[in-house]
Amino acid sequence: MGSLKAIVSIIIPSLLRADLLKWNLFSLAQQKIPYPFETIVLNDGIPDDTERICREYEQNLNLKYFFSGKRNLDGNIKWRGQGFAMNIGARISTGSILILCDAEMYHLNDTVFHLVEPLLQKPNLITIPRLGKNDWSGEFLRHIEERQGKYAPEALEHCDELRIKLPFLMAVSRSEFYSIGGFDEDFVGVWYEDDDLVGRLQMNACSYFETGAETVHLFHPRDKGEGVEERIAINEKLYFEKMSQIVRNQGREWGKLE
C-alpha cells in the first residue's frame, strides 16, 4: 500500500489523547478500505504514548506519525486550536480526499468507504456520518475497554446525539479544502473554528451529503479551567467578524510543521 499514491488521507490530530487514539486506530484497522490510503497522526501535545501506539499500526494503516508539539517541550501545554494541526496534516498529505477525524472517534462500521465513495463522483461535497453518537457519560468507553475494543449495539443507548455536521469525522476534497485556505489560523481560542470551516465550504458551493458512516465520540473530560470563557469569547468574536470571508490565511504560510 505504501508504494501506491494515496487517494485518501485520514488526518488525526491528537492533543493528550493517546488513551482514546488507540481505540480510534483499533476500530479504523477493522475496516475494509478499497483504495490506497494513508493515515496521518499529528501529536500536538507532548512526547507520550501516542508514538508507540502509532507504531503498532504503521503497516496496517499506512500510518505516518508527526510530532507538531515542539512549542510544549518546556512542559507547559500551549493551546492553539485543532485547526493548526489539521492544516499541517493537509499540507503533509498526498490524497485527493481528506478525512478530518478527531483522535477520540470510534468507528462503528466502514466509515472510510462510506465517506469517500460519494466524493469520488462529486468533489464539492462535505460527506458526514448518518449516525453520530456522543459518549458524554463515559459508559461506551468503559464498555469497549472491558471488551478489548469490541462493542455490543445496545451500548449505544447510553450515548447522546453528536453534531455530525462538524468535523469530528467528515470528508472533503483536497481541492476544496485548499481553495478556502484550510482552517483559519487566527482562531487561537476555543470553539467556533469548526463552524467557521464548514460555513466557508458551504459559501464556496460545497454541500452536505449524509453517508452510511457510523461513529462515536468517546468520552473525555471537558476543559472548564480558568480562562476558558475568555478563550471561547475570542473565537466567538472572530467568527462573527469574519463570516462573509471565504478564503483565509492569505499572505502567509499556513499548515507549517515547525
C-alpha atoms as a PDB file:
ATOM      1  CA  MET A   1       0.000   0.000   0.000  1.00  0.00           C
ATOM      2  CA  GLY A   2       2.803   2.403   0.872  1.00  0.00           C
ATOM      3  CA  SER A   3       4.147   2.255  -2.712  1.00  0.00           C
ATOM      4  CA  LEU A   4       0.842   3.463  -4.215  1.00  0.00           C
ATOM      5  CA  LYS A   5      -0.148   7.095  -4.289  1.00  0.00           C
ATOM      6  CA  ALA A   6      -2.856   7.650  -1.706  1.00  0.00           C
ATOM      7  CA  ILE A   7      -6.351   8.540  -2.854  1.00  0.00           C
ATOM      8  CA  VAL A   8      -7.467   9.082   0.743  1.00  0.00           C
ATOM      9  CA  SER A   9      -5.619  10.831   3.579  1.00  0.00           C
ATOM     10  CA  ILE A  10      -7.039  10.283   7.067  1.00  0.00           C
ATOM     11  CA  ILE A  11      -5.858  13.181   9.237  1.00  0.00           C
ATOM     12  CA  ILE A  12      -5.982  12.728  13.018  1.00  0.00           C
ATOM     13  CA  PRO A  13      -4.632  15.430  15.374  1.00  0.00           C
ATOM     14  CA  SER A  14      -4.096  14.312  18.968  1.00  0.00           C
ATOM     15  CA  LEU A  15      -3.516  16.525  21.999  1.00  0.00           C
ATOM     16  CA  LEU A  16      -3.011  14.393  25.135  1.00  0.00           C
ATOM     17  CA  ARG A  17      -5.422  11.776  23.750  1.00  0.00           C
ATOM     18  CA  ALA A  18      -3.223   8.656  23.496  1.00  0.00           C
ATOM     19  CA  ASP A  19      -5.652   6.622  25.607  1.00  0.00           C
ATOM     20  CA  LEU A  20      -8.501   7.390  23.187  1.00  0.00           C
ATOM     21  CA  LEU A  21      -6.482   7.435  19.968  1.00  0.00           C
ATOM     22  CA  LYS A  22      -5.738   3.743  20.481  1.00  0.00           C
ATOM     23  CA  TRP A  23      -9.460   2.929  20.069  1.00  0.00           C
ATOM     24  CA  ASN A  24      -9.714   5.163  17.016  1.00  0.00           C
ATOM     25  CA  LEU A  25      -6.855   3.300  15.333  1.00  0.00           C
ATOM     26  CA  PHE A  26      -8.098  -0.076  16.574  1.00  0.00           C
ATOM     27  CA  SER A  27     -11.548   0.471  15.045  1.00  0.00           C
ATOM     28  CA  LEU A  28     -10.050   2.013  11.893  1.00  0.00           C
ATOM     29  CA  ALA A  29      -7.919  -1.101  11.409  1.00  0.00           C
ATOM     30  CA  GLN A  30     -11.062  -3.292  11.376  1.00  0.00           C
ATOM     31  CA  GLN A  31     -12.338  -1.592   8.233  1.00  0.00           C
ATOM     32  CA  LYS A  32     -12.272  -2.714   4.619  1.00  0.00           C
ATOM     33  CA  ILE A  33     -10.761   0.209   2.713  1.00  0.00           C
ATOM     34  CA  PRO A  34     -10.761  -0.469  -1.046  1.00  0.00           C
ATOM     35  CA  TYR A  35      -8.479   2.398  -2.106  1.00  0.00           C
ATOM     36  CA  PRO A  36      -4.853   3.349  -1.489  1.00  0.00           C
ATOM     37  CA  PHE A  37      -4.835   5.420   1.697  1.00  0.00           C
ATOM     38  CA  GLU A  38      -2.581   6.932   4.311  1.00  0.00           C
ATOM     39  CA  THR A  39      -3.205   7.751   7.943  1.00  0.00           C
ATOM     40  CA  ILE A  40      -1.528  10.856   9.341  1.00  0.00           C
ATOM     41  CA  VAL A  41      -1.422  11.293  13.115  1.00  0.00           C
ATOM     42  CA  LEU A  42      -0.164  14.600  14.481  1.00  0.00           C
ATOM     43  CA  ASN A  43       0.843  14.593  18.135  1.00  0.00           C
ATOM     44  CA  ASP A  44       0.181  18.220  19.037  1.00  0.00           C
ATOM     45  CA  GLY A  45       0.875  17.716  22.738  1.00  0.00           C
ATOM     46  CA  ILE A  46       3.993  16.273  24.363  1.00  0.00           C
ATOM     47  CA  PRO A  47       6.084  13.114  23.814  1.00  0.00           C
ATOM     48  CA  ASP A  48       3.901  10.364  25.307  1.00  0.00           C
ATOM     49  CA  ASP A  49       2.348   7.011  24.348  1.00  0.00           C
ATOM     50  CA  THR A  50       0.975   8.467  21.115  1.00  0.00           C
ATOM     51  CA  GLU A  51       4.032   7.489  19.072  1.00  0.00           C
ATOM     52  CA  ARG A  52       4.179   3.952  20.500  1.00  0.00           C
ATOM     53  CA  ILE A  53       0.510   3.365  19.698  1.00  0.00           C
ATOM     54  CA  CYS A  54       1.000   4.715  16.179  1.00  0.00           C
ATOM     55  CA  ARG A  55       3.940   2.380  15.545  1.00  0.00           C
ATOM     56  CA  GLU A  56       1.643  -0.595  16.222  1.00  0.00           C
ATOM     57  CA  TYR A  57      -0.469   0.433  13.202  1.00  0.00           C
ATOM     58  CA  GLU A  58       2.320   1.690  10.965  1.00  0.00           C
ATOM     59  CA  GLN A  59       1.876  -1.119   8.426  1.00  0.00           C
ATOM     60  CA  ASN A  60      -1.854  -1.913   8.686  1.00  0.00           C
ATOM     61  CA  LEU A  61      -2.935   1.721   8.370  1.00  0.00           C
ATOM     62  CA  ASN A  62      -0.011   3.055   6.310  1.00  0.00           C
ATOM     63  CA  LEU A  63       0.439   5.385   9.272  1.00  0.00           C
ATOM     64  CA  LYS A  64       2.760   8.372   9.347  1.00  0.00           C
ATOM     65  CA  TYR A  65       3.450   9.927  12.730  1.00  0.00           C
ATOM     66  CA  PHE A  66       4.435  13.571  13.155  1.00  0.00           C
ATOM     67  CA  PHE A  67       5.212  15.472  16.329  1.00  0.00           C
ATOM     68  CA  SER A  68       3.814  19.005  15.980  1.00  0.00           C
ATOM     69  CA  GLY A  69       4.002  19.976  19.646  1.00  0.00           C
ATOM     70  CA  LYS A  70       7.510  21.442  19.851  1.00  0.00           C
ATOM     71  CA  ARG A  71       6.047  24.556  21.497  1.00  0.00           C
ATOM     72  CA  ASN A  72       5.161  22.342  24.501  1.00  0.00           C
ATOM     73  CA  LEU A  73       8.570  20.831  25.176  1.00  0.00           C
ATOM     74  CA  ASP A  74       9.151  23.120  28.153  1.00  0.00           C
ATOM     75  CA  GLY A  75       6.362  21.226  29.919  1.00  0.00           C
ATOM     76  CA  ASN A  76       3.673  23.890  29.504  1.00  0.00           C
ATOM     77  CA  ILE A  77       0.872  22.986  27.099  1.00  0.00           C
ATOM     78  CA  LYS A  78       0.194  25.955  24.832  1.00  0.00           C
ATOM     79  CA  TRP A  79      -3.256  25.692  23.266  1.00  0.00           C
ATOM     80  CA  ARG A  80      -3.608  26.885  19.692  1.00  0.00           C
ATOM     81  CA  GLY A  81      -6.701  25.078  18.384  1.00  0.00           C
ATOM     82  CA  GLN A  82      -7.051  21.827  16.491  1.00  0.00           C
ATOM     83  CA  GLY A  83      -7.246  23.643  13.158  1.00  0.00           C
ATOM     84  CA  PHE A  84      -3.482  24.252  13.209  1.00  0.00           C
ATOM     85  CA  ALA A  85      -2.739  20.529  13.364  1.00  0.00           C
ATOM     86  CA  MET A  86      -5.411  19.731  10.766  1.00  0.00           C
ATOM     87  CA  ASN A  87      -3.778  22.233   8.405  1.00  0.00           C
ATOM     88  CA  ILE A  88      -0.365  20.643   8.940  1.00  0.00           C
ATOM     89  CA  GLY A  89      -1.869  17.244   8.159  1.00  0.00           C
ATOM     90  CA  ALA A  90      -3.457  18.572   4.980  1.00  0.00           C
ATOM     91  CA  ARG A  91      -0.133  20.027   3.829  1.00  0.00           C
ATOM     92  CA  ILE A  92       1.757  16.788   4.530  1.00  0.00           C
ATOM     93  CA  SER A  93      -0.919  14.598   2.955  1.00  0.00           C
ATOM     94  CA  THR A  94      -0.922  13.273  -0.597  1.00  0.00           C
ATOM     95  CA  GLY A  95      -4.526  12.132  -1.022  1.00  0.00           C
ATOM     96  CA  SER A  96      -7.101  13.853  -3.197  1.00  0.00           C
ATOM     97  CA  ILE A  97      -9.702  13.253  -0.464  1.00  0.00           C
ATOM     98  CA  LEU A  98      -9.134  14.334   3.136  1.00  0.00           C
ATOM     99  CA  ILE A  99     -10.901  12.697   6.076  1.00  0.00           C
ATOM    100  CA  LEU A 100     -10.819  15.044   9.058  1.00  0.00           C
ATOM    101  CA  CYS A 101     -11.035  12.977  12.233  1.00  0.00           C
ATOM    102  CA  ASP A 102     -10.767  13.741  15.952  1.00  0.00           C
ATOM    103  CA  ALA A 103      -8.467  11.469  17.947  1.00  0.00           C
ATOM    104  CA  GLU A 104     -11.346  10.352  20.174  1.00  0.00           C
ATOM    105  CA  MET A 105     -13.537   8.872  17.421  1.00  0.00           C
ATOM    106  CA  TYR A 106     -14.506   5.185  17.495  1.00  0.00           C
ATOM    107  CA  HIS A 107     -15.596   3.838  14.101  1.00  0.00           C
ATOM    108  CA  LEU A 108     -18.675   1.600  14.179  1.00  0.00           C
ATOM    109  CA  ASN A 109     -18.523   0.487  10.541  1.00  0.00           C
ATOM    110  CA  ASP A 110     -16.563   1.051   7.310  1.00  0.00           C
ATOM    111  CA  THR A 111     -16.582   4.811   7.743  1.00  0.00           C
ATOM    112  CA  VAL A 112     -13.778   5.477   5.257  1.00  0.00           C
ATOM    113  CA  PHE A 113     -15.599   3.727   2.410  1.00  0.00           C
ATOM    114  CA  HIS A 114     -18.897   5.454   3.189  1.00  0.00           C
ATOM    115  CA  LEU A 115     -17.352   8.922   3.425  1.00  0.00           C
ATOM    116  CA  VAL A 116     -15.137   8.601   0.362  1.00  0.00           C
ATOM    117  CA  GLU A 117     -17.363   6.916  -2.216  1.00  0.00           C
ATOM    118  CA  PRO A 118     -19.667   9.925  -2.911  1.00  0.00           C
ATOM    119  CA  LEU A 119     -16.665  12.276  -3.206  1.00  0.00           C
ATOM    120  CA  LEU A 120     -15.189  10.152  -6.000  1.00  0.00           C
ATOM    121  CA  GLN A 121     -18.196  11.144  -8.089  1.00  0.00           C
ATOM    122  CA  LYS A 122     -18.810  14.686  -6.855  1.00  0.00           C
ATOM    123  CA  PRO A 123     -15.855  16.538  -5.291  1.00  0.00           C
ATOM    124  CA  ASN A 124     -17.793  19.519  -3.920  1.00  0.00           C
ATOM    125  CA  LEU A 125     -19.478  17.512  -1.171  1.00  0.00           C
ATOM    126  CA  ILE A 126     -18.959  17.582   2.586  1.00  0.00           C
ATOM    127  CA  THR A 127     -19.614  13.954   3.481  1.00  0.00           C
ATOM    128  CA  ILE A 128     -20.785  13.192   7.002  1.00  0.00           C
ATOM    129  CA  PRO A 129     -21.976  10.153   9.008  1.00  0.00           C
ATOM    130  CA  ARG A 130     -25.657   9.259   9.180  1.00  0.00           C
ATOM    131  CA  LEU A 131     -25.136   8.213  12.791  1.00  0.00           C
ATOM    132  CA  GLY A 132     -23.044  10.112  15.291  1.00  0.00           C
ATOM    133  CA  LYS A 133     -23.124   9.353  18.996  1.00  0.00           C
ATOM    134  CA  ASN A 134     -21.587  11.327  21.848  1.00  0.00           C
ATOM    135  CA  ASP A 135     -20.317   9.232  24.764  1.00  0.00           C
ATOM    136  CA  TRP A 136     -20.991  12.039  27.238  1.00  0.00           C
ATOM    137  CA  SER A 137     -21.268   9.737  30.284  1.00  0.00           C
ATOM    138  CA  GLY A 138     -18.245   7.543  29.504  1.00  0.00           C
ATOM    139  CA  GLU A 139     -20.362   4.360  29.572  1.00  0.00           C
ATOM    140  CA  PHE A 140     -19.485   3.440  25.990  1.00  0.00           C
ATOM    141  CA  LEU A 141     -15.759   3.932  26.618  1.00  0.00           C
ATOM    142  CA  ARG A 142     -15.913   1.662  29.662  1.00  0.00           C
ATOM    143  CA  HIS A 143     -17.833  -0.861  27.568  1.00  0.00           C
ATOM    144  CA  ILE A 144     -15.191  -1.164  24.826  1.00  0.00           C
ATOM    145  CA  GLU A 145     -12.350  -1.163  27.354  1.00  0.00           C
ATOM    146  CA  GLU A 146     -13.929  -4.157  29.072  1.00  0.00           C
ATOM    147  CA  ARG A 147     -14.392  -5.932  25.729  1.00  0.00           C
ATOM    148  CA  GLN A 148     -10.902  -5.213  24.320  1.00  0.00           C
ATOM    149  CA  GLY A 149     -12.252  -2.823  21.703  1.00  0.00           C
ATOM    150  CA  LYS A 150     -15.363  -4.694  20.622  1.00  0.00           C
ATOM    151  CA  TYR A 151     -18.857  -3.380  21.277  1.00  0.00           C
ATOM    152  CA  ALA A 152     -22.465  -4.543  21.516  1.00  0.00           C
ATOM    153  CA  PRO A 153     -25.081  -2.352  19.760  1.00  0.00           C
ATOM    154  CA  GLU A 154     -27.071  -1.860  22.970  1.00  0.00           C
ATOM    155  CA  ALA A 155     -24.121   0.075  24.421  1.00  0.00           C
ATOM    156  CA  LEU A 156     -25.049   2.970  22.123  1.00  0.00           C
ATOM    157  CA  GLU A 157     -28.206   3.519  24.179  1.00  0.00           C
ATOM    158  CA  HIS A 158     -26.075   5.286  26.799  1.00  0.00           C
ATOM    159  CA  CYS A 159     -24.877   7.890  24.281  1.00  0.00           C
ATOM    160  CA  ASP A 160     -26.304  11.278  23.312  1.00  0.00           C
ATOM    161  CA  GLU A 161     -26.512  12.634  19.764  1.00  0.00           C
ATOM    162  CA  LEU A 162     -23.391  14.123  18.162  1.00  0.00           C
ATOM    163  CA  ARG A 163     -23.329  17.223  15.950  1.00  0.00           C
ATOM    164  CA  ILE A 164     -22.422  15.304  12.812  1.00  0.00           C
ATOM    165  CA  LYS A 165     -22.207  18.448  10.647  1.00  0.00           C
ATOM    166  CA  LEU A 166     -18.947  19.455  12.329  1.00  0.00           C
ATOM    167  CA  PRO A 167     -15.571  17.862  11.533  1.00  0.00           C
ATOM    168  CA  PHE A 168     -15.456  15.332  14.332  1.00  0.00           C
ATOM    169  CA  LEU A 169     -15.466  12.913  11.374  1.00  0.00           C
ATOM    170  CA  MET A 170     -16.091  14.198   7.847  1.00  0.00           C
ATOM    171  CA  ALA A 171     -14.510  14.151   4.409  1.00  0.00           C
ATOM    172  CA  VAL A 172     -13.824  16.877   1.842  1.00  0.00           C
ATOM    173  CA  SER A 173     -11.822  17.011  -1.347  1.00  0.00           C
ATOM    174  CA  ARG A 174      -8.295  18.304  -1.080  1.00  0.00           C
ATOM    175  CA  SER A 175      -9.001  20.917  -3.752  1.00  0.00           C
ATOM    176  CA  GLU A 176     -11.961  22.369  -1.825  1.00  0.00           C
ATOM    177  CA  PHE A 177     -10.035  22.451   1.464  1.00  0.00           C
ATOM    178  CA  TYR A 178      -7.124  24.246  -0.179  1.00  0.00           C
ATOM    179  CA  SER A 179      -9.332  26.663  -2.115  1.00  0.00           C
ATOM    180  CA  ILE A 180     -10.639  28.224   1.129  1.00  0.00           C
ATOM    181  CA  GLY A 181      -7.218  28.273   2.799  1.00  0.00           C
ATOM    182  CA  GLY A 182      -7.915  25.446   5.256  1.00  0.00           C
ATOM    183  CA  PHE A 183      -8.750  26.183   8.881  1.00  0.00           C
ATOM    184  CA  ASP A 184      -8.339  29.853   9.783  1.00  0.00           C
ATOM    185  CA  GLU A 185      -5.212  30.046  11.943  1.00  0.00           C
ATOM    186  CA  ASP A 186      -6.384  33.297  13.541  1.00  0.00           C
ATOM    187  CA  PHE A 187      -8.629  31.142  15.743  1.00  0.00           C
ATOM    188  CA  VAL A 188      -6.449  30.645  18.806  1.00  0.00           C
ATOM    189  CA  GLY A 189      -9.230  30.425  21.395  1.00  0.00           C
ATOM    190  CA  VAL A 190     -11.804  27.679  21.934  1.00  0.00           C
ATOM    191  CA  TRP A 191     -14.700  26.551  19.676  1.00  0.00           C
ATOM    192  CA  TYR A 192     -16.118  28.113  16.504  1.00  0.00           C
ATOM    193  CA  GLU A 193     -13.207  27.182  14.209  1.00  0.00           C
ATOM    194  CA  ASP A 194     -15.123  24.071  13.086  1.00  0.00           C
ATOM    195  CA  ASP A 195     -18.287  26.060  12.379  1.00  0.00           C
ATOM    196  CA  ASP A 196     -16.173  28.577  10.507  1.00  0.00           C
ATOM    197  CA  LEU A 197     -14.578  25.920   8.290  1.00  0.00           C
ATOM    198  CA  VAL A 198     -17.805  24.224   7.207  1.00  0.00           C
ATOM    199  CA  GLY A 199     -19.566  27.561   6.780  1.00  0.00           C
ATOM    200  CA  ARG A 200     -16.877  28.710   4.341  1.00  0.00           C
ATOM    201  CA  LEU A 201     -17.015  25.411   2.451  1.00  0.00           C
ATOM    202  CA  GLN A 202     -20.745  25.929   2.022  1.00  0.00           C
ATOM    203  CA  MET A 203     -20.261  29.524   0.842  1.00  0.00           C
ATOM    204  CA  ASN A 204     -17.785  28.098  -1.661  1.00  0.00           C
ATOM    205  CA  ALA A 205     -20.558  25.940  -3.205  1.00  0.00           C
ATOM    206  CA  CYS A 206     -19.974  22.740  -1.201  1.00  0.00           C
ATOM    207  CA  SER A 207     -22.985  20.899   0.185  1.00  0.00           C
ATOM    208  CA  TYR A 208     -23.510  18.334   2.926  1.00  0.00           C
ATOM    209  CA  PHE A 209     -24.082  14.707   1.947  1.00  0.00           C
ATOM    210  CA  GLU A 210     -25.119  12.182   4.581  1.00  0.00           C
ATOM    211  CA  THR A 211     -23.497   8.783   4.158  1.00  0.00           C
ATOM    212  CA  GLY A 212     -23.788   5.367   5.798  1.00  0.00           C
ATOM    213  CA  ALA A 213     -20.852   6.036   8.150  1.00  0.00           C
ATOM    214  CA  GLU A 214     -21.457   5.497  11.870  1.00  0.00           C
ATOM    215  CA  THR A 215     -19.228   6.773  14.676  1.00  0.00           C
ATOM    216  CA  VAL A 216     -18.960   7.508  18.392  1.00  0.00           C
ATOM    217  CA  HIS A 217     -17.195  10.453  20.005  1.00  0.00           C
ATOM    218  CA  LEU A 218     -15.561   8.877  23.060  1.00  0.00           C
ATOM    219  CA  PHE A 219     -15.724  10.483  26.481  1.00  0.00           C
ATOM    220  CA  HIS A 220     -13.016  12.831  27.636  1.00  0.00           C
ATOM    221  CA  PRO A 221     -13.026  15.448  30.403  1.00  0.00           C
ATOM    222  CA  ARG A 222     -14.177  18.874  29.204  1.00  0.00           C
ATOM    223  CA  ASP A 223     -11.953  21.868  29.831  1.00  0.00           C
ATOM    224  CA  LYS A 224     -13.644  24.030  32.468  1.00  0.00           C
ATOM    225  CA  GLY A 225     -10.497  25.579  33.861  1.00  0.00           C
ATOM    226  CA  GLU A 226      -9.523  29.172  34.395  1.00  0.00           C
ATOM    227  CA  GLY A 227      -9.704  31.340  31.294  1.00  0.00           C
ATOM    228  CA  VAL A 228     -11.910  29.019  29.202  1.00  0.00           C
ATOM    229  CA  GLU A 229     -14.763  31.515  28.934  1.00  0.00           C
ATOM    230  CA  GLU A 230     -12.344  34.185  27.747  1.00  0.00           C
ATOM    231  CA  ARG A 231     -10.905  31.846  25.107  1.00  0.00           C
ATOM    232  CA  ILE A 232     -14.396  30.983  23.883  1.00  0.00           C
ATOM    233  CA  ALA A 233     -15.175  34.702  23.624  1.00  0.00           C
ATOM    234  CA  ILE A 234     -12.053  35.285  21.489  1.00  0.00           C
ATOM    235  CA  ASN A 235     -13.155  32.766  18.869  1.00  0.00           C
ATOM    236  CA  GLU A 236     -16.812  33.782  19.007  1.00  0.00           C
ATOM    237  CA  LYS A 237     -15.943  37.414  18.260  1.00  0.00           C
ATOM    238  CA  LEU A 238     -13.664  36.414  15.403  1.00  0.00           C
ATOM    239  CA  TYR A 239     -16.254  34.035  13.972  1.00  0.00           C
ATOM    240  CA  PHE A 240     -18.910  36.742  13.601  1.00  0.00           C
ATOM    241  CA  GLU A 241     -16.425  39.334  12.356  1.00  0.00           C
ATOM    242  CA  LYS A 242     -15.231  37.086   9.509  1.00  0.00           C
ATOM    243  CA  MET A 243     -18.469  35.387   8.491  1.00  0.00           C
ATOM    244  CA  SER A 244     -18.523  36.925   4.998  1.00  0.00           C
ATOM    245  CA  GLN A 245     -14.918  35.958   4.149  1.00  0.00           C
ATOM    246  CA  ILE A 246     -14.447  32.638   2.369  1.00  0.00           C
ATOM    247  CA  VAL A 247     -10.663  32.432   1.901  1.00  0.00           C
ATOM    248  CA  ARG A 248      -8.383  32.653   4.932  1.00  0.00           C
ATOM    249  CA  ASN A 249      -4.663  32.566   5.822  1.00  0.00           C
ATOM    250  CA  GLN A 250      -3.863  34.749   2.821  1.00  0.00           C
ATOM    251  CA  GLY A 251      -0.382  36.228   2.614  1.00  0.00           C
ATOM    252  CA  ARG A 252       1.182  33.727   4.995  1.00  0.00           C
ATOM    253  CA  GLU A 253       2.373  30.129   5.001  1.00  0.00           C
ATOM    254  CA  TRP A 254      -0.313  28.032   6.646  1.00  0.00           C
ATOM    255  CA  GLY A 255      -0.094  24.442   7.785  1.00  0.00           C
ATOM    256  CA  LYS A 256       3.576  24.728   8.676  1.00  0.00           C
ATOM    257  CA  LEU A 257       5.254  21.870  10.561  1.00  0.00           C
ATOM    258  CA  GLU A 258       7.953  23.526  12.664  1.00  0.00           C
END
